[in-house]
């Protein structure tokens, strides 16, 4: 005898297949696509209008817009990266002895003789 779970699962799978076929046909229909596209177009136009209004309000208050903040953050990240590179180069330069030094503590050969 079939379990209740197996019976329910078979029923669900047949419902899912029938529904998928119907939805696929319906969603490809111009009767659905055209109004949906028009609504999406209007929603995007409204969003653009709202974004422009908000950006204008920020600008009137003398505050940077999101795009300006993102640009500034990008520049700051570039500066920080350059600073890290320069710090590494400075550390390397300080760790290396200058040219012509034999590794002693004194410049000029480290023989201890006064010149």
C-alpha atoms as a PDB file:
ATOM      1  CA  UNK A   1       0.000   0.000   0.000  1.00  0.00           C
ATOM      2  CA  UNK A   2       1.236   3.492  -0.894  1.00  0.00           C
ATOM      3  CA  UNK A   3       2.105   5.852   1.912  1.00  0.00           C
ATOM      4  CA  UNK A   4       0.257   9.101   2.363  1.00  0.00           C
ATOM      5  CA  UNK A   5       3.479  10.990   1.628  1.00  0.00           C
ATOM      6  CA  UNK A   6       3.997   9.228  -1.721  1.00  0.00           C
ATOM      7  CA  UNK A   7       0.366   9.844  -2.679  1.00  0.00           C
ATOM      8  CA  UNK A   8       0.635  13.547  -1.793  1.00  0.00           C
ATOM      9  CA  UNK A   9       3.976  13.842  -3.612  1.00  0.00           C
ATOM     10  CA  UNK A  10       2.556  12.385  -6.857  1.00  0.00           C
ATOM     11  CA  UNK A  11      -0.433  14.736  -6.645  1.00  0.00           C
ATOM     12  CA  UNK A  12       1.812  17.724  -6.086  1.00  0.00           C
ATOM     13  CA  UNK A  13       4.072  16.795  -9.025  1.00  0.00           C
ATOM     14  CA  UNK A  14       1.114  16.498 -11.423  1.00  0.00           C
ATOM     15  CA  UNK A  15      -0.304  19.821 -10.186  1.00  0.00           C
ATOM     16  CA  UNK A  16       3.146  21.431 -10.604  1.00  0.00           C
ATOM     17  CA  UNK A  17       3.513  20.162 -14.198  1.00  0.00           C
ATOM     18  CA  UNK A  18       0.047  21.348 -15.216  1.00  0.00           C
ATOM     19  CA  UNK A  19       0.541  24.728 -13.539  1.00  0.00           C
ATOM     20  CA  UNK A  20       3.982  25.209 -15.099  1.00  0.00           C
ATOM     21  CA  UNK A  21       2.613  24.613 -18.607  1.00  0.00           C
ATOM     22  CA  UNK A  22      -0.261  27.017 -18.037  1.00  0.00           C
ATOM     23  CA  UNK A  23       1.945  29.733 -16.512  1.00  0.00           C
ATOM     24  CA  UNK A  24       4.569  29.408 -19.239  1.00  0.00           C
ATOM     25  CA  UNK A  25       1.941  29.875 -21.944  1.00  0.00           C
ATOM     26  CA  UNK A  26       0.268  32.718 -20.046  1.00  0.00           C
ATOM     27  CA  UNK A  27       3.511  34.574 -19.247  1.00  0.00           C
ATOM     28  CA  UNK A  28       4.642  34.462 -22.900  1.00  0.00           C
ATOM     29  CA  UNK A  29       1.349  35.961 -24.038  1.00  0.00           C
ATOM     30  CA  UNK A  30       1.409  39.549 -25.367  1.00  0.00           C
ATOM     31  CA  UNK A  31      -1.719  40.195 -23.297  1.00  0.00           C
ATOM     32  CA  UNK A  32       0.469  39.813 -20.194  1.00  0.00           C
ATOM     33  CA  UNK A  33       3.854  40.977 -21.491  1.00  0.00           C
ATOM     34  CA  UNK A  34       2.791  44.350 -22.906  1.00  0.00           C
ATOM     35  CA  UNK A  35       1.030  45.700 -19.775  1.00  0.00           C
ATOM     36  CA  UNK A  36       3.797  44.310 -17.575  1.00  0.00           C
ATOM     37  CA  UNK A  37       6.450  46.030 -19.691  1.00  0.00           C
ATOM     38  CA  UNK A  38       4.475  49.293 -19.557  1.00  0.00           C
ATOM     39  CA  UNK A  39       4.219  49.080 -15.753  1.00  0.00           C
ATOM     40  CA  UNK A  40       7.928  48.356 -15.450  1.00  0.00           C
ATOM     41  CA  UNK A  41       8.741  51.299 -17.713  1.00  0.00           C
ATOM     42  CA  UNK A  42       6.594  53.627 -15.605  1.00  0.00           C
ATOM     43  CA  UNK A  43       8.123  52.317 -12.379  1.00  0.00           C
ATOM     44  CA  UNK A  44      11.630  52.968 -13.714  1.00  0.00           C
ATOM     45  CA  UNK A  45      10.667  56.483 -14.841  1.00  0.00           C
ATOM     46  CA  UNK A  46       9.245  57.168 -11.376  1.00  0.00           C
ATOM     47  CA  UNK A  47      12.412  55.854  -9.729  1.00  0.00           C
ATOM     48  CA  UNK A  48      14.527  58.102 -11.944  1.00  0.00           C
ATOM     49  CA  UNK A  49      12.361  61.089 -10.991  1.00  0.00           C
ATOM     50  CA  UNK A  50      12.637  60.274  -7.267  1.00  0.00           C
ATOM     51  CA  UNK A  51      16.427  59.789  -7.535  1.00  0.00           C
ATOM     52  CA  UNK A  52      16.813  63.145  -9.296  1.00  0.00           C
ATOM     53  CA  UNK A  53      14.642  64.861  -6.679  1.00  0.00           C
ATOM     54  CA  UNK A  54      16.607  63.354  -3.783  1.00  0.00           C
ATOM     55  CA  UNK A  55      19.943  64.197  -5.420  1.00  0.00           C
ATOM     56  CA  UNK A  56      18.767  67.760  -5.966  1.00  0.00           C
ATOM     57  CA  UNK A  57      17.754  68.045  -2.311  1.00  0.00           C
ATOM     58  CA  UNK A  58      21.172  66.779  -1.204  1.00  0.00           C
ATOM     59  CA  UNK A  59      22.896  69.219  -3.549  1.00  0.00           C
ATOM     60  CA  UNK A  60      20.834  72.165  -2.268  1.00  0.00           C
ATOM     61  CA  UNK A  61      21.898  71.296   1.279  1.00  0.00           C
ATOM     62  CA  UNK A  62      25.506  71.177   0.134  1.00  0.00           C
ATOM     63  CA  UNK A  63      25.858  67.451   0.771  1.00  0.00           C
ATOM     64  CA  UNK A  64      27.408  64.973  -1.663  1.00  0.00           C
ATOM     65  CA  UNK A  65      25.156  62.572  -3.538  1.00  0.00           C
ATOM     66  CA  UNK A  66      25.591  58.825  -3.310  1.00  0.00           C
ATOM     67  CA  UNK A  67      27.511  58.773  -6.583  1.00  0.00           C
ATOM     68  CA  UNK A  68      29.857  61.518  -5.375  1.00  0.00           C
ATOM     69  CA  UNK A  69      30.395  59.644  -2.108  1.00  0.00           C
ATOM     70  CA  UNK A  70      31.211  56.455  -4.024  1.00  0.00           C
ATOM     71  CA  UNK A  71      33.721  58.343  -6.192  1.00  0.00           C
ATOM     72  CA  UNK A  72      35.355  59.871  -3.105  1.00  0.00           C
ATOM     73  CA  UNK A  73      35.530  56.459  -1.431  1.00  0.00           C
ATOM     74  CA  UNK A  74      37.185  55.022  -4.535  1.00  0.00           C
ATOM     75  CA  UNK A  75      39.790  57.801  -4.545  1.00  0.00           C
ATOM     76  CA  UNK A  76      40.410  57.320  -0.811  1.00  0.00           C
ATOM     77  CA  UNK A  77      40.933  53.592  -1.365  1.00  0.00           C
ATOM     78  CA  UNK A  78      43.443  54.338  -4.137  1.00  0.00           C
ATOM     79  CA  UNK A  79      45.308  56.783  -1.865  1.00  0.00           C
ATOM     80  CA  UNK A  80      45.341  54.255   0.963  1.00  0.00           C
ATOM     81  CA  UNK A  81      46.735  51.589  -1.370  1.00  0.00           C
ATOM     82  CA  UNK A  82      49.482  53.942  -2.532  1.00  0.00           C
ATOM     83  CA  UNK A  83      50.311  54.843   1.069  1.00  0.00           C
ATOM     84  CA  UNK A  84      50.647  51.169   2.016  1.00  0.00           C
ATOM     85  CA  UNK A  85      52.946  50.627  -0.985  1.00  0.00           C
ATOM     86  CA  UNK A  86      55.093  53.613   0.013  1.00  0.00           C
ATOM     87  CA  UNK A  87      55.294  52.411   3.624  1.00  0.00           C
ATOM     88  CA  UNK A  88      56.481  49.005   2.413  1.00  0.00           C
ATOM     89  CA  UNK A  89      59.102  50.618   0.169  1.00  0.00           C
ATOM     90  CA  UNK A  90      60.299  52.806   3.053  1.00  0.00           C
ATOM     91  CA  UNK A  91      60.591  49.813   5.374  1.00  0.00           C
ATOM     92  CA  UNK A  92      62.571  47.932   2.708  1.00  0.00           C
ATOM     93  CA  UNK A  93      64.842  50.937   2.172  1.00  0.00           C
ATOM     94  CA  UNK A  94      65.467  51.317   5.925  1.00  0.00           C
ATOM     95  CA  UNK A  95      66.197  47.611   6.333  1.00  0.00           C
ATOM     96  CA  UNK A  96      68.740  47.603   3.492  1.00  0.00           C
ATOM     97  CA  UNK A  97      72.212  48.976   4.187  1.00  0.00           C
ATOM     98  CA  UNK A  98      73.246  51.891   1.974  1.00  0.00           C
ATOM     99  CA  UNK A  99      75.522  51.207  -1.012  1.00  0.00           C
ATOM    100  CA  UNK A 100      79.226  50.939  -0.143  1.00  0.00           C
ATOM    101  CA  UNK A 101      78.717  49.865   3.465  1.00  0.00           C
ATOM    102  CA  UNK A 102      80.162  46.504   4.461  1.00  0.00           C
ATOM    103  CA  UNK A 103      77.594  45.902   7.117  1.00  0.00           C
ATOM    104  CA  UNK A 104      79.506  47.520   9.993  1.00  0.00           C
ATOM    105  CA  UNK A 105      78.089  50.168  12.247  1.00  0.00           C
ATOM    106  CA  UNK A 106      80.308  52.885  10.805  1.00  0.00           C
ATOM    107  CA  UNK A 107      80.317  54.441   7.406  1.00  0.00           C
ATOM    108  CA  UNK A 108      83.624  54.061   5.536  1.00  0.00           C
ATOM    109  CA  UNK A 109      84.508  50.423   5.962  1.00  0.00           C
ATOM    110  CA  UNK A 110      84.016  49.889   9.660  1.00  0.00           C
ATOM    111  CA  UNK A 111      87.764  49.520  10.413  1.00  0.00           C
ATOM    112  CA  UNK A 112      87.626  51.833  13.368  1.00  0.00           C
ATOM    113  CA  UNK A 113      90.311  54.128  12.000  1.00  0.00           C
ATOM    114  CA  UNK A 114      89.719  57.853  12.045  1.00  0.00           C
ATOM    115  CA  UNK A 115      90.001  59.610   8.744  1.00  0.00           C
END
